[in-house]
Amino acid sequence: MEKLQIINKAKAFARSELGGDPSGHDWWHVWRVAKLAKRLAAEEQADAFICELTAWLHDVADEKLNDNEETGLQKVELWLKEHGIDIEDQQHILAIIQTMSFKGGGRQPMQTLEGKVVQDADRLDALGAIGIARTFAYSGARGQLIYDPSITVREHLTHAAYRNEKSTAINHFYEKLLKLKVTMNTAYGQQLAEERHRFMLEYLDNFYKEWEEN
């Protein structure tokens, strides 16, 4: 099967799996990540096919959208096998997906350039104006408040605490989003993250100003 055909089938698969997700992990999220991964791959001279295909599939395996992480990974692995992806490419893609999530502070460093590209693309979509919008969508889907000064920012989070303990949308900026800039793997990713990070700080300044004025 031609690479373009495989990419188009991955798009359709991602849309069927994620199209209606209300938490900010919908098909348009993977669309943005895939588009940005292609740009980053070109800048960094990474394998564009691996980067784009992984980007389309990465949230199909997300544990937040499956019974558990293993179930999600098996779903992606089966799709890769059914579409004739080389075994080495299968292993590469699955290794990237298993490593790329933040999960309260991140996992081990990415081992390949393609993994670094896709991880940067995914984390960049959590920054800036779209990242702010996704934060409130995710918090609403989780039943969390916008802000409550009595709920303090959590530090040194375990994976379980990050996923399950009570927090707020505004706290999420400090627990995850504002930590992402320094985790960028690529020079181009760092450049884009700087601007988006700055925008979020400006947003928070305005948020607190309005909060105090009410």
C-alpha atoms as a PDB file:
ATOM      1  CA  MET A   1       0.000   0.000   0.000  1.00  0.00           C
ATOM      2  CA  GLU A   2       1.311   3.472  -0.905  1.00  0.00           C
ATOM      3  CA  LYS A   3       2.301   5.785   1.947  1.00  0.00           C
ATOM      4  CA  LEU A   4      -0.328   8.372   0.980  1.00  0.00           C
ATOM      5  CA  GLN A   5      -3.030   5.702   1.094  1.00  0.00           C
ATOM      6  CA  ILE A   6      -1.866   4.613   4.536  1.00  0.00           C
ATOM      7  CA  ILE A   7      -1.924   8.213   5.807  1.00  0.00           C
ATOM      8  CA  ASN A   8      -5.442   8.731   4.445  1.00  0.00           C
ATOM      9  CA  LYS A   9      -6.637   5.528   6.100  1.00  0.00           C
ATOM     10  CA  ALA A  10      -5.033   6.623   9.381  1.00  0.00           C
ATOM     11  CA  LYS A  11      -6.913   9.922   9.130  1.00  0.00           C
ATOM     12  CA  ALA A  12     -10.195   8.080   8.667  1.00  0.00           C
ATOM     13  CA  PHE A  13      -9.413   5.720  11.541  1.00  0.00           C
ATOM     14  CA  ALA A  14      -8.558   8.602  13.868  1.00  0.00           C
ATOM     15  CA  ARG A  15     -11.743  10.400  12.895  1.00  0.00           C
ATOM     16  CA  SER A  16     -13.874   7.321  13.574  1.00  0.00           C
ATOM     17  CA  GLU A  17     -12.246   6.846  16.984  1.00  0.00           C
ATOM     18  CA  LEU A  18     -11.929  10.451  18.168  1.00  0.00           C
ATOM     19  CA  GLY A  19     -14.382  12.546  16.174  1.00  0.00           C
ATOM     20  CA  GLY A  20     -16.856  13.186  18.992  1.00  0.00           C
ATOM     21  CA  ASP A  21     -14.470  13.436  21.933  1.00  0.00           C
ATOM     22  CA  PRO A  22     -15.355  16.499  24.091  1.00  0.00           C
ATOM     23  CA  SER A  23     -12.162  16.629  26.151  1.00  0.00           C
ATOM     24  CA  GLY A  24      -9.840  18.348  23.650  1.00  0.00           C
ATOM     25  CA  HIS A  25      -8.462  15.052  22.306  1.00  0.00           C
ATOM     26  CA  ASP A  26     -10.759  15.027  19.282  1.00  0.00           C
ATOM     27  CA  TRP A  27      -9.954  14.520  15.600  1.00  0.00           C
ATOM     28  CA  TRP A  28      -9.115  18.189  15.118  1.00  0.00           C
ATOM     29  CA  HIS A  29      -6.450  17.871  17.804  1.00  0.00           C
ATOM     30  CA  VAL A  30      -4.727  15.050  15.916  1.00  0.00           C
ATOM     31  CA  TRP A  31      -5.232  16.988  12.673  1.00  0.00           C
ATOM     32  CA  ARG A  32      -3.298  19.915  14.146  1.00  0.00           C
ATOM     33  CA  VAL A  33      -0.630  17.647  15.622  1.00  0.00           C
ATOM     34  CA  ALA A  34      -0.161  15.822  12.309  1.00  0.00           C
ATOM     35  CA  LYS A  35       0.092  19.102  10.407  1.00  0.00           C
ATOM     36  CA  LEU A  36       2.637  20.492  12.861  1.00  0.00           C
ATOM     37  CA  ALA A  37       4.574  17.202  12.923  1.00  0.00           C
ATOM     38  CA  LYS A  38       5.040  17.488   9.156  1.00  0.00           C
ATOM     39  CA  ARG A  39       6.439  21.019   9.561  1.00  0.00           C
ATOM     40  CA  LEU A  40       8.763  19.958  12.363  1.00  0.00           C
ATOM     41  CA  ALA A  41       9.894  16.867  10.425  1.00  0.00           C
ATOM     42  CA  ALA A  42      10.840  19.060   7.467  1.00  0.00           C
ATOM     43  CA  GLU A  43      12.754  21.478   9.706  1.00  0.00           C
ATOM     44  CA  GLU A  44      14.569  18.688  11.567  1.00  0.00           C
ATOM     45  CA  GLN A  45      15.013  16.338   8.569  1.00  0.00           C
ATOM     46  CA  ALA A  46      13.134  13.530  10.278  1.00  0.00           C
ATOM     47  CA  ASP A  47      11.189  10.724   8.559  1.00  0.00           C
ATOM     48  CA  ALA A  48       8.014  12.577   7.566  1.00  0.00           C
ATOM     49  CA  PHE A  49       5.977   9.391   7.053  1.00  0.00           C
ATOM     50  CA  ILE A  50       6.712   8.015  10.529  1.00  0.00           C
ATOM     51  CA  CYS A  51       6.079  11.407  12.112  1.00  0.00           C
ATOM     52  CA  GLU A  52       2.764  12.018  10.371  1.00  0.00           C
ATOM     53  CA  LEU A  53       1.438   8.466  10.775  1.00  0.00           C
ATOM     54  CA  THR A  54       2.309   8.443  14.485  1.00  0.00           C
ATOM     55  CA  ALA A  55       0.655  11.820  14.942  1.00  0.00           C
ATOM     56  CA  TRP A  56      -2.595  10.587  13.409  1.00  0.00           C
ATOM     57  CA  LEU A  57      -2.635   7.492  15.621  1.00  0.00           C
ATOM     58  CA  HIS A  58      -1.238   8.750  18.919  1.00  0.00           C
ATOM     59  CA  ASP A  59      -4.497   9.591  20.705  1.00  0.00           C
ATOM     60  CA  VAL A  60      -6.290   6.470  19.484  1.00  0.00           C
ATOM     61  CA  ALA A  61      -4.107   4.748  22.093  1.00  0.00           C
ATOM     62  CA  ASP A  62      -4.550   7.366  24.822  1.00  0.00           C
ATOM     63  CA  GLU A  63      -5.443   5.767  28.147  1.00  0.00           C
ATOM     64  CA  LYS A  64      -7.894   8.604  28.846  1.00  0.00           C
ATOM     65  CA  LEU A  65      -9.958   7.415  25.875  1.00  0.00           C
ATOM     66  CA  ASN A  66      -9.632   3.651  26.468  1.00  0.00           C
ATOM     67  CA  ASP A  67     -10.152   1.242  29.333  1.00  0.00           C
ATOM     68  CA  ASN A  68      -6.392   1.365  29.928  1.00  0.00           C
ATOM     69  CA  GLU A  69      -3.134   2.116  28.132  1.00  0.00           C
ATOM     70  CA  GLU A  70      -2.554  -1.485  27.059  1.00  0.00           C
ATOM     71  CA  THR A  71      -5.952  -1.691  25.351  1.00  0.00           C
ATOM     72  CA  GLY A  72      -5.262   1.501  23.414  1.00  0.00           C
ATOM     73  CA  LEU A  73      -1.834   0.353  22.281  1.00  0.00           C
ATOM     74  CA  GLN A  74      -3.229  -3.003  21.160  1.00  0.00           C
ATOM     75  CA  LYS A  75      -5.797  -1.148  19.056  1.00  0.00           C
ATOM     76  CA  VAL A  76      -3.068   0.796  17.275  1.00  0.00           C
ATOM     77  CA  GLU A  77      -0.826  -2.259  16.909  1.00  0.00           C
ATOM     78  CA  LEU A  78      -3.641  -4.214  15.267  1.00  0.00           C
ATOM     79  CA  TRP A  79      -4.330  -1.350  12.856  1.00  0.00           C
ATOM     80  CA  LEU A  80      -0.649  -1.153  11.885  1.00  0.00           C
ATOM     81  CA  LYS A  81      -0.501  -4.902  11.229  1.00  0.00           C
ATOM     82  CA  GLU A  82      -3.708  -4.874   9.193  1.00  0.00           C
ATOM     83  CA  HIS A  83      -2.327  -2.108   6.982  1.00  0.00           C
ATOM     84  CA  GLY A  84       0.968  -3.840   6.253  1.00  0.00           C
ATOM     85  CA  ILE A  85       3.310  -1.512   8.136  1.00  0.00           C
ATOM     86  CA  ASP A  86       6.853  -2.898   8.370  1.00  0.00           C
ATOM     87  CA  ILE A  87       7.581  -4.516  11.721  1.00  0.00           C
ATOM     88  CA  GLU A  88      10.413  -2.078  12.453  1.00  0.00           C
ATOM     89  CA  ASP A  89       8.129   0.862  11.714  1.00  0.00           C
ATOM     90  CA  GLN A  90       5.400  -0.699  13.881  1.00  0.00           C
ATOM     91  CA  GLN A  91       7.798  -0.976  16.799  1.00  0.00           C
ATOM     92  CA  HIS A  92       9.065   2.568  16.237  1.00  0.00           C
ATOM     93  CA  ILE A  93       5.562   4.066  16.153  1.00  0.00           C
ATOM     94  CA  LEU A  94       4.384   2.169  19.226  1.00  0.00           C
ATOM     95  CA  ALA A  95       7.524   3.129  21.162  1.00  0.00           C
ATOM     96  CA  ILE A  96       6.897   6.807  20.380  1.00  0.00           C
ATOM     97  CA  ILE A  97       3.263   6.604  21.482  1.00  0.00           C
ATOM     98  CA  GLN A  98       4.198   4.839  24.720  1.00  0.00           C
ATOM     99  CA  THR A  99       6.811   7.475  25.587  1.00  0.00           C
ATOM    100  CA  MET A 100       5.294  10.770  24.465  1.00  0.00           C
ATOM    101  CA  SER A 101       2.672  11.488  27.136  1.00  0.00           C
ATOM    102  CA  PHE A 102       3.255  14.017  29.936  1.00  0.00           C
ATOM    103  CA  LYS A 103       1.554  11.942  32.661  1.00  0.00           C
ATOM    104  CA  GLY A 104       2.319  14.210  35.598  1.00  0.00           C
ATOM    105  CA  GLY A 105       5.850  15.041  34.547  1.00  0.00           C
ATOM    106  CA  GLY A 106       6.851  12.959  31.583  1.00  0.00           C
ATOM    107  CA  ARG A 107       8.509   9.619  31.014  1.00  0.00           C
ATOM    108  CA  GLN A 108      11.967   8.687  29.770  1.00  0.00           C
ATOM    109  CA  PRO A 109      13.480  10.906  27.051  1.00  0.00           C
ATOM    110  CA  MET A 110      12.594  10.167  23.443  1.00  0.00           C
ATOM    111  CA  GLN A 111      15.184   7.967  21.760  1.00  0.00           C
ATOM    112  CA  THR A 112      14.580   8.906  18.113  1.00  0.00           C
ATOM    113  CA  LEU A 113      14.342  12.121  16.145  1.00  0.00           C
ATOM    114  CA  GLU A 114      10.867  11.151  14.940  1.00  0.00           C
ATOM    115  CA  GLY A 115       9.715  10.652  18.521  1.00  0.00           C
ATOM    116  CA  LYS A 116      11.065  14.064  19.474  1.00  0.00           C
ATOM    117  CA  VAL A 117       9.221  15.665  16.557  1.00  0.00           C
ATOM    118  CA  VAL A 118       5.854  14.076  17.356  1.00  0.00           C
ATOM    119  CA  GLN A 119       6.160  14.763  21.074  1.00  0.00           C
ATOM    120  CA  ASP A 120       6.936  18.414  20.375  1.00  0.00           C
ATOM    121  CA  ALA A 121       3.980  18.699  17.984  1.00  0.00           C
ATOM    122  CA  ASP A 122       1.625  17.198  20.558  1.00  0.00           C
ATOM    123  CA  ARG A 123       2.886  19.391  23.395  1.00  0.00           C
ATOM    124  CA  LEU A 124       2.747  22.524  21.267  1.00  0.00           C
ATOM    125  CA  ASP A 125      -0.981  21.904  20.813  1.00  0.00           C
ATOM    126  CA  ALA A 126      -1.294  22.162  24.598  1.00  0.00           C
ATOM    127  CA  LEU A 127       0.203  25.666  24.505  1.00  0.00           C
ATOM    128  CA  GLY A 128      -0.999  29.072  23.332  1.00  0.00           C
ATOM    129  CA  ALA A 129      -4.567  30.057  22.508  1.00  0.00           C
ATOM    130  CA  ILE A 130      -5.605  26.557  21.453  1.00  0.00           C
ATOM    131  CA  GLY A 131      -3.946  25.066  24.509  1.00  0.00           C
ATOM    132  CA  ILE A 132      -5.999  27.391  26.721  1.00  0.00           C
ATOM    133  CA  ALA A 133      -9.205  26.384  24.927  1.00  0.00           C
ATOM    134  CA  ARG A 134      -8.332  22.691  25.285  1.00  0.00           C
ATOM    135  CA  THR A 135      -7.631  23.156  29.005  1.00  0.00           C
ATOM    136  CA  PHE A 136     -11.134  24.424  29.678  1.00  0.00           C
ATOM    137  CA  ALA A 137     -12.701  21.776  27.433  1.00  0.00           C
ATOM    138  CA  TYR A 138     -10.796  19.034  29.293  1.00  0.00           C
ATOM    139  CA  SER A 139     -11.623  20.447  32.710  1.00  0.00           C
ATOM    140  CA  GLY A 140     -15.304  20.698  31.806  1.00  0.00           C
ATOM    141  CA  ALA A 141     -15.310  17.119  30.561  1.00  0.00           C
ATOM    142  CA  ARG A 142     -13.716  16.040  33.853  1.00  0.00           C
ATOM    143  CA  GLY A 143     -16.199  18.027  35.962  1.00  0.00           C
ATOM    144  CA  GLN A 144     -13.537  20.388  37.272  1.00  0.00           C
ATOM    145  CA  LEU A 145     -14.062  24.027  38.221  1.00  0.00           C
ATOM    146  CA  ILE A 146     -12.515  26.897  36.298  1.00  0.00           C
ATOM    147  CA  TYR A 147     -10.792  28.148  39.437  1.00  0.00           C
ATOM    148  CA  ASP A 148     -11.054  27.842  43.201  1.00  0.00           C
ATOM    149  CA  PRO A 149      -8.365  29.617  45.266  1.00  0.00           C
ATOM    150  CA  SER A 150      -8.820  27.071  48.051  1.00  0.00           C
ATOM    151  CA  ILE A 151      -7.654  24.234  45.764  1.00  0.00           C
ATOM    152  CA  THR A 152      -3.875  24.536  45.703  1.00  0.00           C
ATOM    153  CA  VAL A 153      -1.544  23.674  42.853  1.00  0.00           C
ATOM    154  CA  ARG A 154      -0.219  20.127  43.196  1.00  0.00           C
ATOM    155  CA  GLU A 155       3.555  19.597  43.114  1.00  0.00           C
ATOM    156  CA  HIS A 156       5.618  16.475  42.398  1.00  0.00           C
ATOM    157  CA  LEU A 157       2.644  14.596  41.024  1.00  0.00           C
ATOM    158  CA  THR A 158       2.547  10.866  40.531  1.00  0.00           C
ATOM    159  CA  HIS A 159       0.763   9.541  37.466  1.00  0.00           C
ATOM    160  CA  ALA A 160      -2.217   8.433  39.577  1.00  0.00           C
ATOM    161  CA  ALA A 161      -2.472  11.770  41.358  1.00  0.00           C
ATOM    162  CA  TYR A 162      -2.188  13.695  38.108  1.00  0.00           C
ATOM    163  CA  ARG A 163      -5.077  11.729  36.640  1.00  0.00           C
ATOM    164  CA  ASN A 164      -7.370  11.328  39.636  1.00  0.00           C
ATOM    165  CA  GLU A 165      -6.955  14.010  42.297  1.00  0.00           C
ATOM    166  CA  LYS A 166      -9.137  17.114  42.394  1.00  0.00           C
ATOM    167  CA  SER A 167      -7.807  20.177  40.616  1.00  0.00           C
ATOM    168  CA  THR A 168      -9.010  23.142  38.511  1.00  0.00           C
ATOM    169  CA  ALA A 169      -8.519  24.438  34.990  1.00  0.00           C
ATOM    170  CA  ILE A 170      -6.306  27.289  36.170  1.00  0.00           C
ATOM    171  CA  ASN A 171      -4.198  24.945  38.303  1.00  0.00           C
ATOM    172  CA  HIS A 172      -3.579  22.856  35.179  1.00  0.00           C
ATOM    173  CA  PHE A 173      -1.499  25.704  33.771  1.00  0.00           C
ATOM    174  CA  TYR A 174       0.961  25.310  36.654  1.00  0.00           C
ATOM    175  CA  GLU A 175       0.751  21.530  36.949  1.00  0.00           C
ATOM    176  CA  LYS A 176       1.453  20.937  33.263  1.00  0.00           C
ATOM    177  CA  LEU A 177       1.191  23.657  30.629  1.00  0.00           C
ATOM    178  CA  LEU A 178       3.795  26.107  31.913  1.00  0.00           C
ATOM    179  CA  LYS A 179       6.264  23.227  32.309  1.00  0.00           C
ATOM    180  CA  LEU A 180       6.111  22.230  28.653  1.00  0.00           C
ATOM    181  CA  LYS A 181       8.312  24.953  27.158  1.00  0.00           C
ATOM    182  CA  VAL A 182      11.489  23.533  28.715  1.00  0.00           C
ATOM    183  CA  THR A 183      10.651  19.996  27.553  1.00  0.00           C
ATOM    184  CA  MET A 184      10.818  20.803  23.831  1.00  0.00           C
ATOM    185  CA  ASN A 185      13.186  18.492  21.973  1.00  0.00           C
ATOM    186  CA  THR A 186      13.743  20.414  18.735  1.00  0.00           C
ATOM    187  CA  ALA A 187      15.004  23.908  17.940  1.00  0.00           C
ATOM    188  CA  TYR A 188      11.888  24.761  15.940  1.00  0.00           C
ATOM    189  CA  GLY A 189       9.666  23.388  18.692  1.00  0.00           C
ATOM    190  CA  GLN A 190      11.450  25.578  21.232  1.00  0.00           C
ATOM    191  CA  GLN A 191      10.930  28.618  19.031  1.00  0.00           C
ATOM    192  CA  LEU A 192       7.179  28.024  18.720  1.00  0.00           C
ATOM    193  CA  ALA A 193       6.845  27.156  22.410  1.00  0.00           C
ATOM    194  CA  GLU A 194       8.380  30.475  23.501  1.00  0.00           C
ATOM    195  CA  GLU A 195       5.646  32.504  21.822  1.00  0.00           C
ATOM    196  CA  ARG A 196       2.809  30.265  22.980  1.00  0.00           C
ATOM    197  CA  HIS A 197       4.147  30.146  26.544  1.00  0.00           C
ATOM    198  CA  ARG A 198       4.298  33.935  26.648  1.00  0.00           C
ATOM    199  CA  PHE A 199       0.689  34.175  25.469  1.00  0.00           C
ATOM    200  CA  MET A 200      -0.455  31.900  28.302  1.00  0.00           C
ATOM    201  CA  LEU A 201       1.330  34.017  30.896  1.00  0.00           C
ATOM    202  CA  GLU A 202      -0.422  37.109  29.526  1.00  0.00           C
ATOM    203  CA  TYR A 203      -3.742  35.272  29.704  1.00  0.00           C
ATOM    204  CA  LEU A 204      -3.175  34.332  33.340  1.00  0.00           C
ATOM    205  CA  ASP A 205      -2.268  37.913  34.220  1.00  0.00           C
ATOM    206  CA  ASN A 206      -5.574  39.091  32.742  1.00  0.00           C
ATOM    207  CA  PHE A 207      -7.496  36.265  34.405  1.00  0.00           C
ATOM    208  CA  TYR A 208      -6.272  37.201  37.885  1.00  0.00           C
ATOM    209  CA  LYS A 209      -6.821  40.892  37.215  1.00  0.00           C
ATOM    210  CA  GLU A 210     -10.461  40.294  36.285  1.00  0.00           C
ATOM    211  CA  TRP A 211     -10.893  37.858  39.195  1.00  0.00           C
ATOM    212  CA  GLU A 212      -9.753  40.464  41.683  1.00  0.00           C
ATOM    213  CA  GLU A 213     -11.913  43.184  40.130  1.00  0.00           C
ATOM    214  CA  ASN A 214     -15.151  41.195  40.607  1.00  0.00           C
END
